[in-house]
Amino acid sequence: MTDCNLENNCIEEYEKFSDLKRLINEIPPDHSLYDMSEILKAISDPLRLKILYLLEKGELCGCHIDFVLDKPQSTVSHHLTILKKSNLVNWRKKGKWTYFSLANPKLIEEIKNITEMEEE
């Protein structure tokens, strides 16, 4: 990679873009990019994706998620906490039980669109 400075006319190469500053200004602010990266990190784990797929059909009790995934409660709880902190799942307490649901009912569809794995 070569140095980009005024002496080697690198900037002149980009004059075909109407306004390089305009392009830079269209990039979301750093805090928004950080939030986006946290969401992408949250869905990057296969177990968390399984949890999201389970919740696609509706609300589930945490104990049912533990049972279906055949994972220790502490493992599932850890992953659910990450999904909650990323605002991907909603939760509510009812007595001693915690119920989880997708924050956005179209989340799985959006994940499929991002990964281009939508079934045809």
Protein backbone atom coordinates (compact mmCIF):
# COMPACT_ATOMS: atom_id res chain seq x y z
CA MET A 1 0.00 0.00 0.00
CA THR A 2 1.41 3.37 -0.93
CA ASP A 3 1.23 6.59 1.02
CA CYS A 4 -1.72 8.75 0.16
CA ASN A 5 -0.67 12.36 0.06
CA LEU A 6 -0.99 15.38 -2.14
CA GLU A 7 2.40 14.83 -3.78
CA ASN A 8 1.49 11.56 -5.49
CA ASN A 9 -1.92 12.80 -6.70
CA CYS A 10 -3.75 10.01 -4.91
CA ILE A 11 -6.53 12.39 -3.97
CA GLU A 12 -6.98 13.37 -7.62
CA GLU A 13 -7.81 9.71 -8.39
CA TYR A 14 -10.88 10.03 -6.20
CA GLU A 15 -12.28 13.07 -7.97
CA LYS A 16 -14.51 10.66 -9.86
CA PHE A 17 -16.43 10.47 -6.56
CA SER A 18 -18.35 13.71 -6.50
CA ASP A 19 -17.32 14.51 -2.97
CA LEU A 20 -15.16 12.29 -0.80
CA LYS A 21 -16.19 14.26 2.29
CA ARG A 22 -19.85 13.57 1.49
CA LEU A 23 -19.06 9.85 1.46
CA ILE A 24 -17.31 10.09 4.80
CA ASN A 25 -20.21 12.05 6.29
CA GLU A 26 -22.64 9.32 5.22
CA ILE A 27 -20.91 6.79 7.48
CA PRO A 28 -22.89 6.40 10.71
CA PRO A 29 -21.34 7.92 13.83
CA ASP A 30 -18.93 5.81 15.86
CA HIS A 31 -21.44 5.05 18.63
CA SER A 32 -23.90 3.69 16.04
CA LEU A 33 -21.20 1.56 14.45
CA TYR A 34 -20.27 0.27 17.89
CA ASP A 35 -23.91 -0.69 18.58
CA MET A 36 -24.13 -2.43 15.21
CA SER A 37 -20.94 -4.38 15.88
CA GLU A 38 -22.27 -5.50 19.28
CA ILE A 39 -25.41 -6.86 17.62
CA LEU A 40 -23.36 -8.68 15.01
CA LYS A 41 -21.13 -10.14 17.73
CA ALA A 42 -24.21 -11.28 19.64
CA ILE A 43 -25.57 -13.23 16.68
CA SER A 44 -22.19 -14.62 15.69
CA ASP A 45 -22.37 -17.56 18.11
CA PRO A 46 -24.10 -20.76 16.90
CA LEU A 47 -25.77 -21.40 20.26
CA ARG A 48 -27.20 -17.88 20.35
CA LEU A 49 -28.48 -18.34 16.81
CA LYS A 50 -30.19 -21.56 17.93
CA ILE A 51 -31.85 -19.65 20.76
CA LEU A 52 -33.06 -16.99 18.35
CA TYR A 53 -34.45 -19.65 16.00
CA LEU A 54 -36.27 -21.29 18.93
CA LEU A 55 -37.82 -17.95 19.85
CA GLU A 56 -38.93 -17.31 16.27
CA LYS A 57 -42.09 -19.35 16.93
CA GLY A 58 -42.94 -17.46 20.11
CA GLU A 59 -42.16 -16.92 23.75
CA LEU A 60 -40.41 -19.69 25.69
CA CYS A 61 -39.53 -20.24 29.31
CA GLY A 62 -35.79 -20.35 30.00
CA CYS A 63 -36.13 -23.89 31.37
CA HIS A 64 -37.60 -25.05 28.05
CA ILE A 65 -34.67 -23.48 26.17
CA ASP A 66 -32.24 -25.32 28.50
CA PHE A 67 -34.05 -28.61 27.90
CA VAL A 68 -34.30 -28.33 24.10
CA LEU A 69 -30.66 -27.30 23.70
CA ASP A 70 -29.48 -29.95 26.18
CA LYS A 71 -27.04 -27.46 27.68
CA PRO A 72 -26.41 -26.53 31.31
CA GLN A 73 -28.62 -23.77 32.66
CA SER A 74 -25.56 -21.58 33.32
CA THR A 75 -24.46 -21.82 29.67
CA VAL A 76 -27.88 -20.94 28.31
CA SER A 77 -28.25 -18.14 30.86
CA HIS A 78 -24.91 -16.65 29.78
CA HIS A 79 -25.99 -16.60 26.13
CA LEU A 80 -29.43 -15.23 26.92
CA THR A 81 -27.78 -12.40 28.89
CA ILE A 82 -25.73 -11.45 25.83
CA LEU A 83 -28.87 -11.47 23.67
CA LYS A 84 -30.72 -9.36 26.25
CA LYS A 85 -27.88 -6.81 26.49
CA SER A 86 -27.93 -6.52 22.70
CA ASN A 87 -31.69 -5.88 22.81
CA LEU A 88 -32.34 -8.86 20.57
CA VAL A 89 -34.63 -10.60 23.05
CA ASN A 90 -37.27 -9.42 25.48
CA TRP A 91 -37.77 -11.11 28.81
CA ARG A 92 -40.31 -11.13 31.60
CA LYS A 93 -40.51 -12.79 34.99
CA LYS A 94 -43.53 -14.78 36.07
CA GLY A 95 -43.00 -16.13 39.54
CA LYS A 96 -39.68 -17.94 39.54
CA TRP A 97 -39.71 -18.45 35.77
CA THR A 98 -38.26 -16.17 33.11
CA TYR A 99 -39.83 -16.07 29.66
CA PHE A 100 -38.03 -14.92 26.53
CA SER A 101 -39.20 -13.68 23.15
CA LEU A 102 -37.69 -11.98 20.12
CA ALA A 103 -37.55 -8.20 20.40
CA ASN A 104 -38.21 -8.03 16.65
CA PRO A 105 -40.46 -10.75 15.21
CA LYS A 106 -38.67 -10.43 11.86
CA LEU A 107 -35.19 -10.89 13.35
CA ILE A 108 -34.58 -14.35 11.84
CA GLU A 109 -35.67 -13.06 8.43
CA GLU A 110 -33.23 -10.16 8.78
CA ILE A 111 -30.42 -12.49 9.83
CA LYS A 112 -31.09 -14.65 6.77
CA ASN A 113 -30.97 -11.53 4.58
CA ILE A 114 -27.65 -10.47 6.09
CA THR A 115 -26.09 -13.86 5.54
CA GLU A 116 -27.78 -14.49 2.17
CA MET A 117 -28.92 -17.89 3.41
CA GLU A 118 -32.61 -17.31 2.86
CA GLU A 119 -34.24 -20.44 1.55
CA GLU A 120 -35.47 -20.15 -1.99
